[in-house]
């Protein structure tokens, strides 16, 4: 007998309930998979066949490949990856996880449970869908040094990935390069620009301190050889009036305190790193000559 307070048949309501008695929302389940999930993911979340058929009929969900379902507007790249079937890996997973990525890969990196490869994809072997830790380790082993560093540092800074756990994962005999990259991570880093500048400066042989406390100013992004300040300027972070005024206040404080400071941008570091290093070297030489 139907409930007198609902026009929905009791059998339908029962089908839509999870094993804990709560209502299962297929759209919410799909959102946990960034809008694209395979049938086994939906079944594991107690989405019933009735719900799936109803969602397909209403257009709220579409079948994008055999056993793969997505919400309208789902990421095309993610659809192609899960349709293989595979999962995002390495730098591609880092993008989906909101980590810093220096350069988007030309082709997606994917994790597979078998040794087969697919044209148009960089394939990584993985027994299961990569965790955040797995994605970072894959990036450290796969990408150029700076690209790997920004991914790993952002995982620590933005997602709280424990450095101790990362070091433990990289204790193998062949992990020397990866351990060296991890040794350059600064958990207090504030931006990808700061990470890039620090890496370039250290590679050029400078002594670099990060987030140096300056009385009356706050923290200076970088201090080179104890004499030259570096402030990183990302236009996306400095567009509002409050931020604009704060930047000028900080610059004025370093000037009053006699701390010469260079302001560097992402395009300079990304496209003209040699120019950046030459500018720093020249500034330090002039400071030495004036002393």
C-alpha atoms as a PDB file:
ATOM      1  CA  UNK A   1       0.000   0.000   0.000  1.00  0.00           C
ATOM      2  CA  UNK A   2       1.283   3.428  -0.922  1.00  0.00           C
ATOM      3  CA  UNK A   3       2.003   6.053   1.675  1.00  0.00           C
ATOM      4  CA  UNK A   4      -0.958   8.478   1.881  1.00  0.00           C
ATOM      5  CA  UNK A   5       1.457  11.443   2.003  1.00  0.00           C
ATOM      6  CA  UNK A   6       3.316  10.589  -1.226  1.00  0.00           C
ATOM      7  CA  UNK A   7       2.318   9.894  -4.782  1.00  0.00           C
ATOM      8  CA  UNK A   8       5.472   7.780  -5.283  1.00  0.00           C
ATOM      9  CA  UNK A   9       4.999   4.002  -5.021  1.00  0.00           C
ATOM     10  CA  UNK A  10       6.627   2.410  -1.986  1.00  0.00           C
ATOM     11  CA  UNK A  11       8.560  -0.033  -4.176  1.00  0.00           C
ATOM     12  CA  UNK A  12      10.191   2.857  -6.048  1.00  0.00           C
ATOM     13  CA  UNK A  13      11.104   4.584  -2.798  1.00  0.00           C
ATOM     14  CA  UNK A  14      12.656   1.350  -1.535  1.00  0.00           C
ATOM     15  CA  UNK A  15      14.749   0.935  -4.688  1.00  0.00           C
ATOM     16  CA  UNK A  16      16.118   4.433  -4.302  1.00  0.00           C
ATOM     17  CA  UNK A  17      17.304   3.914  -0.746  1.00  0.00           C
ATOM     18  CA  UNK A  18      20.839   2.863   0.102  1.00  0.00           C
ATOM     19  CA  UNK A  19      21.635   0.004   2.444  1.00  0.00           C
ATOM     20  CA  UNK A  20      21.885   2.521   5.313  1.00  0.00           C
ATOM     21  CA  UNK A  21      18.332   3.687   4.688  1.00  0.00           C
ATOM     22  CA  UNK A  22      19.293   7.085   3.241  1.00  0.00           C
ATOM     23  CA  UNK A  23      18.238   8.329  -0.163  1.00  0.00           C
ATOM     24  CA  UNK A  24      20.866   7.873  -2.869  1.00  0.00           C
ATOM     25  CA  UNK A  25      21.208  10.794  -5.278  1.00  0.00           C
ATOM     26  CA  UNK A  26      22.799   9.714  -8.544  1.00  0.00           C
ATOM     27  CA  UNK A  27      23.960  13.248  -9.366  1.00  0.00           C
ATOM     28  CA  UNK A  28      25.702  13.523  -6.007  1.00  0.00           C
ATOM     29  CA  UNK A  29      27.362  10.181  -6.595  1.00  0.00           C
ATOM     30  CA  UNK A  30      28.554  11.291 -10.035  1.00  0.00           C
ATOM     31  CA  UNK A  31      29.884  14.529  -8.554  1.00  0.00           C
ATOM     32  CA  UNK A  32      32.217  12.477  -6.348  1.00  0.00           C
ATOM     33  CA  UNK A  33      33.764  11.231  -9.584  1.00  0.00           C
ATOM     34  CA  UNK A  34      33.920  14.713 -11.154  1.00  0.00           C
ATOM     35  CA  UNK A  35      30.803  14.016 -13.193  1.00  0.00           C
ATOM     36  CA  UNK A  36      31.980  10.818 -14.905  1.00  0.00           C
ATOM     37  CA  UNK A  37      31.621   7.335 -13.411  1.00  0.00           C
ATOM     38  CA  UNK A  38      31.534   3.743 -14.513  1.00  0.00           C
ATOM     39  CA  UNK A  39      28.617   1.462 -13.739  1.00  0.00           C
ATOM     40  CA  UNK A  40      30.583  -0.310 -11.001  1.00  0.00           C
ATOM     41  CA  UNK A  41      31.128   3.035  -9.217  1.00  0.00           C
ATOM     42  CA  UNK A  42      27.395   3.739  -9.273  1.00  0.00           C
ATOM     43  CA  UNK A  43      26.535   0.243  -8.090  1.00  0.00           C
ATOM     44  CA  UNK A  44      29.055   0.489  -5.248  1.00  0.00           C
ATOM     45  CA  UNK A  45      27.311   3.689  -4.125  1.00  0.00           C
ATOM     46  CA  UNK A  46      23.931   1.863  -4.124  1.00  0.00           C
ATOM     47  CA  UNK A  47      22.545   3.621  -7.192  1.00  0.00           C
ATOM     48  CA  UNK A  48      19.858   1.294  -8.478  1.00  0.00           C
ATOM     49  CA  UNK A  49      19.093   0.314 -12.054  1.00  0.00           C
ATOM     50  CA  UNK A  50      15.750   2.098 -11.683  1.00  0.00           C
ATOM     51  CA  UNK A  51      17.463   5.355 -10.733  1.00  0.00           C
ATOM     52  CA  UNK A  52      19.951   5.085 -13.575  1.00  0.00           C
ATOM     53  CA  UNK A  53      17.195   4.467 -16.141  1.00  0.00           C
ATOM     54  CA  UNK A  54      15.174   7.383 -14.778  1.00  0.00           C
ATOM     55  CA  UNK A  55      18.191   9.708 -14.912  1.00  0.00           C
ATOM     56  CA  UNK A  56      18.946   8.631 -18.486  1.00  0.00           C
ATOM     57  CA  UNK A  57      15.336   9.140 -19.532  1.00  0.00           C
ATOM     58  CA  UNK A  58      15.235  12.638 -18.046  1.00  0.00           C
ATOM     59  CA  UNK A  59      18.531  13.689 -19.623  1.00  0.00           C
ATOM     60  CA  UNK A  60      20.142  14.352 -16.246  1.00  0.00           C
ATOM     61  CA  UNK A  61      22.697  11.666 -17.093  1.00  0.00           C
ATOM     62  CA  UNK A  62      23.931  10.268 -20.396  1.00  0.00           C
ATOM     63  CA  UNK A  63      25.775   7.104 -21.337  1.00  0.00           C
ATOM     64  CA  UNK A  64      29.026   8.262 -22.936  1.00  0.00           C
ATOM     65  CA  UNK A  65      30.565   4.801 -23.480  1.00  0.00           C
ATOM     66  CA  UNK A  66      29.791   1.206 -22.656  1.00  0.00           C
ATOM     67  CA  UNK A  67      29.227   1.160 -18.903  1.00  0.00           C
ATOM     68  CA  UNK A  68      30.304   4.810 -18.485  1.00  0.00           C
ATOM     69  CA  UNK A  69      27.908   7.584 -17.449  1.00  0.00           C
ATOM     70  CA  UNK A  70      28.301  11.348 -17.176  1.00  0.00           C
ATOM     71  CA  UNK A  71      26.417  14.504 -16.330  1.00  0.00           C
ATOM     72  CA  UNK A  72      25.899  17.133 -19.066  1.00  0.00           C
ATOM     73  CA  UNK A  73      28.976  19.277 -19.519  1.00  0.00           C
ATOM     74  CA  UNK A  74      31.341  16.746 -17.940  1.00  0.00           C
ATOM     75  CA  UNK A  75      35.014  17.219 -18.698  1.00  0.00           C
ATOM     76  CA  UNK A  76      35.694  15.795 -22.169  1.00  0.00           C
ATOM     77  CA  UNK A  77      39.169  14.610 -21.229  1.00  0.00           C
ATOM     78  CA  UNK A  78      37.876  12.769 -18.166  1.00  0.00           C
ATOM     79  CA  UNK A  79      35.183  11.118 -20.288  1.00  0.00           C
ATOM     80  CA  UNK A  80      37.832   9.881 -22.715  1.00  0.00           C
ATOM     81  CA  UNK A  81      39.999   8.564 -19.859  1.00  0.00           C
ATOM     82  CA  UNK A  82      37.260   6.674 -18.025  1.00  0.00           C
ATOM     83  CA  UNK A  83      35.968   5.292 -21.321  1.00  0.00           C
ATOM     84  CA  UNK A  84      39.260   3.397 -21.935  1.00  0.00           C
ATOM     85  CA  UNK A  85      38.722   2.397 -19.021  1.00  0.00           C
ATOM     86  CA  UNK A  86      41.441   4.134 -17.014  1.00  0.00           C
ATOM     87  CA  UNK A  87      41.932   6.781 -14.333  1.00  0.00           C
ATOM     88  CA  UNK A  88      43.785  10.124 -14.426  1.00  0.00           C
ATOM     89  CA  UNK A  89      47.405   9.741 -13.329  1.00  0.00           C
ATOM     90  CA  UNK A  90      50.546  11.774 -12.807  1.00  0.00           C
ATOM     91  CA  UNK A  91      50.289  15.399 -14.009  1.00  0.00           C
ATOM     92  CA  UNK A  92      46.764  14.882 -15.402  1.00  0.00           C
ATOM     93  CA  UNK A  93      45.565  13.732 -11.981  1.00  0.00           C
ATOM     94  CA  UNK A  94      47.350  16.742 -10.477  1.00  0.00           C
ATOM     95  CA  UNK A  95      45.285  19.022 -12.709  1.00  0.00           C
ATOM     96  CA  UNK A  96      42.019  17.414 -11.664  1.00  0.00           C
ATOM     97  CA  UNK A  97      43.088  17.602  -8.006  1.00  0.00           C
ATOM     98  CA  UNK A  98      43.721  21.359  -8.250  1.00  0.00           C
ATOM     99  CA  UNK A  99      47.483  21.200  -7.793  1.00  0.00           C
ATOM    100  CA  UNK A 100      49.986  23.583  -9.340  1.00  0.00           C
ATOM    101  CA  UNK A 101      50.915  22.489 -12.847  1.00  0.00           C
ATOM    102  CA  UNK A 102      53.651  24.299 -14.730  1.00  0.00           C
ATOM    103  CA  UNK A 103      52.584  23.104 -18.145  1.00  0.00           C
ATOM    104  CA  UNK A 104      49.548  21.083 -19.192  1.00  0.00           C
ATOM    105  CA  UNK A 105      50.635  17.815 -20.814  1.00  0.00           C
ATOM    106  CA  UNK A 106      50.220  17.450 -24.549  1.00  0.00           C
ATOM    107  CA  UNK A 107      48.414  14.146 -23.998  1.00  0.00           C
ATOM    108  CA  UNK A 108      46.645  12.855 -20.872  1.00  0.00           C
ATOM    109  CA  UNK A 109      48.491  10.665 -18.375  1.00  0.00           C
ATOM    110  CA  UNK A 110      46.403   7.682 -17.284  1.00  0.00           C
ATOM    111  CA  UNK A 111      46.629   4.819 -14.818  1.00  0.00           C
ATOM    112  CA  UNK A 112      45.916   1.294 -16.035  1.00  0.00           C
ATOM    113  CA  UNK A 113      45.733  -1.996 -14.167  1.00  0.00           C
ATOM    114  CA  UNK A 114      47.264  -3.860 -17.136  1.00  0.00           C
ATOM    115  CA  UNK A 115      50.239  -3.463 -19.469  1.00  0.00           C
ATOM    116  CA  UNK A 116      48.284  -2.485 -22.565  1.00  0.00           C
ATOM    117  CA  UNK A 117      48.928   0.981 -24.002  1.00  0.00           C
ATOM    118  CA  UNK A 118      46.631   3.374 -25.866  1.00  0.00           C
ATOM    119  CA  UNK A 119      47.619   5.828 -28.619  1.00  0.00           C
ATOM    120  CA  UNK A 120      47.248   9.431 -27.470  1.00  0.00           C
ATOM    121  CA  UNK A 121      47.794   8.635 -23.784  1.00  0.00           C
ATOM    122  CA  UNK A 122      50.828   8.313 -21.512  1.00  0.00           C
ATOM    123  CA  UNK A 123      50.131   5.095 -19.624  1.00  0.00           C
ATOM    124  CA  UNK A 124      51.198   4.351 -16.044  1.00  0.00           C
ATOM    125  CA  UNK A 125      50.718   0.954 -14.410  1.00  0.00           C
ATOM    126  CA  UNK A 126      48.711   1.121 -11.179  1.00  0.00           C
ATOM    127  CA  UNK A 127      46.905  -1.573  -9.212  1.00  0.00           C
ATOM    128  CA  UNK A 128      44.120   0.887  -8.306  1.00  0.00           C
ATOM    129  CA  UNK A 129      42.979   4.420  -8.996  1.00  0.00           C
ATOM    130  CA  UNK A 130      45.906   6.662  -7.949  1.00  0.00           C
ATOM    131  CA  UNK A 131      45.646   8.421  -4.613  1.00  0.00           C
ATOM    132  CA  UNK A 132      47.046  11.923  -4.146  1.00  0.00           C
ATOM    133  CA  UNK A 133      50.294  10.365  -2.923  1.00  0.00           C
ATOM    134  CA  UNK A 134      50.419   8.051  -5.943  1.00  0.00           C
ATOM    135  CA  UNK A 135      49.876  10.954  -8.363  1.00  0.00           C
ATOM    136  CA  UNK A 136      52.674  12.972  -6.757  1.00  0.00           C
ATOM    137  CA  UNK A 137      55.111  10.036  -6.850  1.00  0.00           C
ATOM    138  CA  UNK A 138      54.209   9.395 -10.502  1.00  0.00           C
ATOM    139  CA  UNK A 139      54.871  13.071 -11.278  1.00  0.00           C
ATOM    140  CA  UNK A 140      58.226  12.992  -9.499  1.00  0.00           C
ATOM    141  CA  UNK A 141      59.298   9.979 -11.533  1.00  0.00           C
ATOM    142  CA  UNK A 142      57.864  11.113 -14.862  1.00  0.00           C
ATOM    143  CA  UNK A 143      58.212  14.903 -15.200  1.00  0.00           C
ATOM    144  CA  UNK A 144      61.165  17.285 -15.555  1.00  0.00           C
ATOM    145  CA  UNK A 145      62.519  18.495 -12.203  1.00  0.00           C
ATOM    146  CA  UNK A 146      60.757  21.866 -11.956  1.00  0.00           C
ATOM    147  CA  UNK A 147      57.439  20.489 -13.210  1.00  0.00           C
ATOM    148  CA  UNK A 148      57.663  17.686 -10.647  1.00  0.00           C
ATOM    149  CA  UNK A 149      58.610  20.076  -7.839  1.00  0.00           C
ATOM    150  CA  UNK A 150      55.623  22.382  -8.320  1.00  0.00           C
ATOM    151  CA  UNK A 151      53.217  19.420  -8.297  1.00  0.00           C
ATOM    152  CA  UNK A 152      54.769  17.909  -5.172  1.00  0.00           C
ATOM    153  CA  UNK A 153      55.104  21.220  -3.315  1.00  0.00           C
ATOM    154  CA  UNK A 154      51.496  22.159  -4.012  1.00  0.00           C
ATOM    155  CA  UNK A 155      50.315  18.770  -2.742  1.00  0.00           C
ATOM    156  CA  UNK A 156      52.046  19.558   0.552  1.00  0.00           C
ATOM    157  CA  UNK A 157      50.954  23.216   0.665  1.00  0.00           C
ATOM    158  CA  UNK A 158      47.379  22.939  -0.633  1.00  0.00           C
ATOM    159  CA  UNK A 159      46.335  19.401   0.295  1.00  0.00           C
ATOM    160  CA  UNK A 160      48.384  18.706   3.416  1.00  0.00           C
ATOM    161  CA  UNK A 161      50.249  15.740   1.943  1.00  0.00           C
ATOM    162  CA  UNK A 162      52.720  14.738   4.692  1.00  0.00           C
ATOM    163  CA  UNK A 163      56.344  15.219   3.683  1.00  0.00           C
ATOM    164  CA  UNK A 164      57.347  12.344   5.943  1.00  0.00           C
ATOM    165  CA  UNK A 165      55.040   9.986   4.055  1.00  0.00           C
ATOM    166  CA  UNK A 166      56.380  11.206   0.724  1.00  0.00           C
ATOM    167  CA  UNK A 167      59.955  10.574   1.843  1.00  0.00           C
ATOM    168  CA  UNK A 168      59.013   7.070   3.001  1.00  0.00           C
ATOM    169  CA  UNK A 169      57.560   6.279  -0.430  1.00  0.00           C
ATOM    170  CA  UNK A 170      60.840   7.337  -2.034  1.00  0.00           C
ATOM    171  CA  UNK A 171      63.305   5.293  -0.003  1.00  0.00           C
ATOM    172  CA  UNK A 172      64.293   2.990  -2.861  1.00  0.00           C
ATOM    173  CA  UNK A 173      67.782   2.647  -4.284  1.00  0.00           C
ATOM    174  CA  UNK A 174      66.683   4.214  -7.579  1.00  0.00           C
ATOM    175  CA  UNK A 175      64.803   7.143  -6.021  1.00  0.00           C
ATOM    176  CA  UNK A 176      67.771   9.471  -5.565  1.00  0.00           C
ATOM    177  CA  UNK A 177      66.561  12.027  -8.118  1.00  0.00           C
ATOM    178  CA  UNK A 178      63.085  12.070  -6.600  1.00  0.00           C
ATOM    179  CA  UNK A 179      64.459  12.499  -3.053  1.00  0.00           C
ATOM    180  CA  UNK A 180      66.558  15.434  -4.248  1.00  0.00           C
ATOM    181  CA  UNK A 181      63.471  17.141  -5.694  1.00  0.00           C
ATOM    182  CA  UNK A 182      61.469  16.530  -2.507  1.00  0.00           C
ATOM    183  CA  UNK A 183      64.310  18.035  -0.460  1.00  0.00           C
ATOM    184  CA  UNK A 184      63.559  21.348  -2.211  1.00  0.00           C
ATOM    185  CA  UNK A 185      59.931  21.503  -1.028  1.00  0.00           C
ATOM    186  CA  UNK A 186      59.061  24.408   1.278  1.00  0.00           C
ATOM    187  CA  UNK A 187      55.749  23.745   3.105  1.00  0.00           C
ATOM    188  CA  UNK A 188      55.306  27.503   3.743  1.00  0.00           C
ATOM    189  CA  UNK A 189      55.419  28.335   0.025  1.00  0.00           C
ATOM    190  CA  UNK A 190      52.704  30.743  -1.078  1.00  0.00           C
ATOM    191  CA  UNK A 191      52.522  30.257  -4.847  1.00  0.00           C
ATOM    192  CA  UNK A 192      53.783  28.447  -7.905  1.00  0.00           C
ATOM    193  CA  UNK A 193      55.739  31.615  -8.806  1.00  0.00           C
ATOM    194  CA  UNK A 194      57.612  31.508  -5.518  1.00  0.00           C
ATOM    195  CA  UNK A 195      58.372  27.820  -6.039  1.00  0.00           C
ATOM    196  CA  UNK A 196      59.688  28.476  -9.551  1.00  0.00           C
ATOM    197  CA  UNK A 197      61.856  31.430  -8.489  1.00  0.00           C
ATOM    198  CA  UNK A 198      63.364  29.501  -5.564  1.00  0.00           C
ATOM    199  CA  UNK A 199      64.200  26.534  -7.789  1.00  0.00           C
ATOM    200  CA  UNK A 200      65.856  28.687 -10.474  1.00  0.00           C
ATOM    201  CA  UNK A 201      67.876  30.630  -7.916  1.00  0.00           C
ATOM    202  CA  UNK A 202      69.104  27.535  -6.090  1.00  0.00           C
ATOM    203  CA  UNK A 203      70.018  25.850  -9.361  1.00  0.00           C
ATOM    204  CA  UNK A 204      72.086  28.949 -10.230  1.00  0.00           C
ATOM    205  CA  UNK A 205      73.984  28.552  -6.963  1.00  0.00           C
ATOM    206  CA  UNK A 206      72.411  31.282  -4.826  1.00  0.00           C
ATOM    207  CA  UNK A 207      71.576  30.869  -1.151  1.00  0.00           C
ATOM    208  CA  UNK A 208      67.807  31.333  -0.889  1.00  0.00           C
ATOM    209  CA  UNK A 209      65.599  31.726   2.176  1.00  0.00           C
ATOM    210  CA  UNK A 210      61.804  31.489   1.904  1.00  0.00           C
ATOM    211  CA  UNK A 211      59.119  33.534   3.681  1.00  0.00           C
ATOM    212  CA  UNK A 212      61.590  35.696   5.603  1.00  0.00           C
ATOM    213  CA  UNK A 213      59.981  37.762   8.372  1.00  0.00           C
ATOM    214  CA  UNK A 214      60.519  41.492   7.894  1.00  0.00           C
ATOM    215  CA  UNK A 215      59.410  43.700  10.831  1.00  0.00           C
ATOM    216  CA  UNK A 216      56.533  45.950   9.822  1.00  0.00           C
ATOM    217  CA  UNK A 217      56.074  44.186   6.499  1.00  0.00           C
ATOM    218  CA  UNK A 218      55.243  40.554   7.105  1.00  0.00           C
ATOM    219  CA  UNK A 219      57.001  37.836   5.168  1.00  0.00           C
ATOM    220  CA  UNK A 220      59.190  38.503   2.158  1.00  0.00           C
ATOM    221  CA  UNK A 221      58.731  35.739  -0.412  1.00  0.00           C
ATOM    222  CA  UNK A 222      62.437  35.089  -0.921  1.00  0.00           C
ATOM    223  CA  UNK A 223      65.763  36.472   0.287  1.00  0.00           C
ATOM    224  CA  UNK A 224      68.809  35.881  -1.906  1.00  0.00           C
ATOM    225  CA  UNK A 225      72.256  35.692  -0.304  1.00  0.00           C
ATOM    226  CA  UNK A 226      70.861  37.536   2.695  1.00  0.00           C
ATOM    227  CA  UNK A 227      70.832  40.844   0.801  1.00  0.00           C
ATOM    228  CA  UNK A 228      68.322  40.898  -2.047  1.00  0.00           C
ATOM    229  CA  UNK A 229      64.588  40.451  -1.640  1.00  0.00           C
ATOM    230  CA  UNK A 230      62.356  38.763  -4.216  1.00  0.00           C
ATOM    231  CA  UNK A 231      58.608  39.341  -4.282  1.00  0.00           C
ATOM    232  CA  UNK A 232      56.509  37.314  -6.701  1.00  0.00           C
ATOM    233  CA  UNK A 233      53.748  39.103  -8.550  1.00  0.00           C
ATOM    234  CA  UNK A 234      50.862  37.070  -9.911  1.00  0.00           C
ATOM    235  CA  UNK A 235      48.351  39.339 -11.644  1.00  0.00           C
ATOM    236  CA  UNK A 236      45.520  36.983 -10.721  1.00  0.00           C
ATOM    237  CA  UNK A 237      46.210  37.565  -7.039  1.00  0.00           C
ATOM    238  CA  UNK A 238      46.649  41.326  -7.233  1.00  0.00           C
ATOM    239  CA  UNK A 239      43.691  42.691  -9.148  1.00  0.00           C
ATOM    240  CA  UNK A 240      41.609  44.154  -6.345  1.00  0.00           C
ATOM    241  CA  UNK A 241      42.316  47.536  -4.753  1.00  0.00           C
ATOM    242  CA  UNK A 242      43.088  46.118  -1.294  1.00  0.00           C
ATOM    243  CA  UNK A 243      45.753  43.775  -2.658  1.00  0.00           C
ATOM    244  CA  UNK A 244      47.166  46.532  -4.845  1.00  0.00           C
ATOM    245  CA  UNK A 245      47.568  48.853  -1.849  1.00  0.00           C
ATOM    246  CA  UNK A 246      49.049  46.083   0.314  1.00  0.00           C
ATOM    247  CA  UNK A 247      51.669  45.303  -2.317  1.00  0.00           C
ATOM    248  CA  UNK A 248      52.724  48.967  -2.407  1.00  0.00           C
ATOM    249  CA  UNK A 249      52.858  49.164   1.397  1.00  0.00           C
ATOM    250  CA  UNK A 250      55.111  46.123   1.545  1.00  0.00           C
ATOM    251  CA  UNK A 251      57.375  47.526  -1.168  1.00  0.00           C
ATOM    252  CA  UNK A 252      57.644  50.845   0.689  1.00  0.00           C
ATOM    253  CA  UNK A 253      58.601  49.065   3.928  1.00  0.00           C
ATOM    254  CA  UNK A 254      61.458  47.153   2.277  1.00  0.00           C
ATOM    255  CA  UNK A 255      62.658  50.394   0.679  1.00  0.00           C
ATOM    256  CA  UNK A 256      62.650  52.241   4.025  1.00  0.00           C
ATOM    257  CA  UNK A 257      64.532  49.377   5.653  1.00  0.00           C
ATOM    258  CA  UNK A 258      67.147  49.388   2.920  1.00  0.00           C
ATOM    259  CA  UNK A 259      66.232  45.948   1.527  1.00  0.00           C
ATOM    260  CA  UNK A 260      66.419  46.168  -2.271  1.00  0.00           C
ATOM    261  CA  UNK A 261      63.638  44.028  -3.701  1.00  0.00           C
ATOM    262  CA  UNK A 262      62.925  42.703  -7.186  1.00  0.00           C
ATOM    263  CA  UNK A 263      59.359  41.986  -8.301  1.00  0.00           C
ATOM    264  CA  UNK A 264      59.125  38.978 -10.616  1.00  0.00           C
ATOM    265  CA  UNK A 265      56.248  37.554 -12.626  1.00  0.00           C
ATOM    266  CA  UNK A 266      55.232  34.145 -13.909  1.00  0.00           C
ATOM    267  CA  UNK A 267      55.925  34.975 -17.603  1.00  0.00           C
ATOM    268  CA  UNK A 268      59.469  36.102 -16.702  1.00  0.00           C
ATOM    269  CA  UNK A 269      60.237  32.890 -14.808  1.00  0.00           C
ATOM    270  CA  UNK A 270      58.512  30.592 -17.294  1.00  0.00           C
ATOM    271  CA  UNK A 271      59.675  32.124 -20.559  1.00  0.00           C
ATOM    272  CA  UNK A 272      62.868  34.026 -19.691  1.00  0.00           C
ATOM    273  CA  UNK A 273      64.530  32.282 -16.732  1.00  0.00           C
ATOM    274  CA  UNK A 274      68.033  33.255 -17.876  1.00  0.00           C
ATOM    275  CA  UNK A 275      66.991  36.908 -17.871  1.00  0.00           C
ATOM    276  CA  UNK A 276      65.694  36.505 -14.314  1.00  0.00           C
ATOM    277  CA  UNK A 277      68.964  34.993 -13.091  1.00  0.00           C
ATOM    278  CA  UNK A 278      71.019  37.642 -14.924  1.00  0.00           C
ATOM    279  CA  UNK A 279      68.936  40.391 -13.274  1.00  0.00           C
ATOM    280  CA  UNK A 280      69.471  38.907  -9.812  1.00  0.00           C
ATOM    281  CA  UNK A 281      73.198  38.516 -10.421  1.00  0.00           C
ATOM    282  CA  UNK A 282      73.546  42.082 -11.654  1.00  0.00           C
ATOM    283  CA  UNK A 283      71.598  43.452  -8.682  1.00  0.00           C
ATOM    284  CA  UNK A 284      73.814  41.552  -6.235  1.00  0.00           C
ATOM    285  CA  UNK A 285      76.973  42.729  -8.022  1.00  0.00           C
ATOM    286  CA  UNK A 286      75.832  46.351  -7.762  1.00  0.00           C
ATOM    287  CA  UNK A 287      75.105  45.891  -4.044  1.00  0.00           C
ATOM    288  CA  UNK A 288      78.599  44.502  -3.547  1.00  0.00           C
ATOM    289  CA  UNK A 289      80.152  47.386  -5.470  1.00  0.00           C
ATOM    290  CA  UNK A 290      78.222  49.946  -3.417  1.00  0.00           C
ATOM    291  CA  UNK A 291      79.185  48.381  -0.065  1.00  0.00           C
END
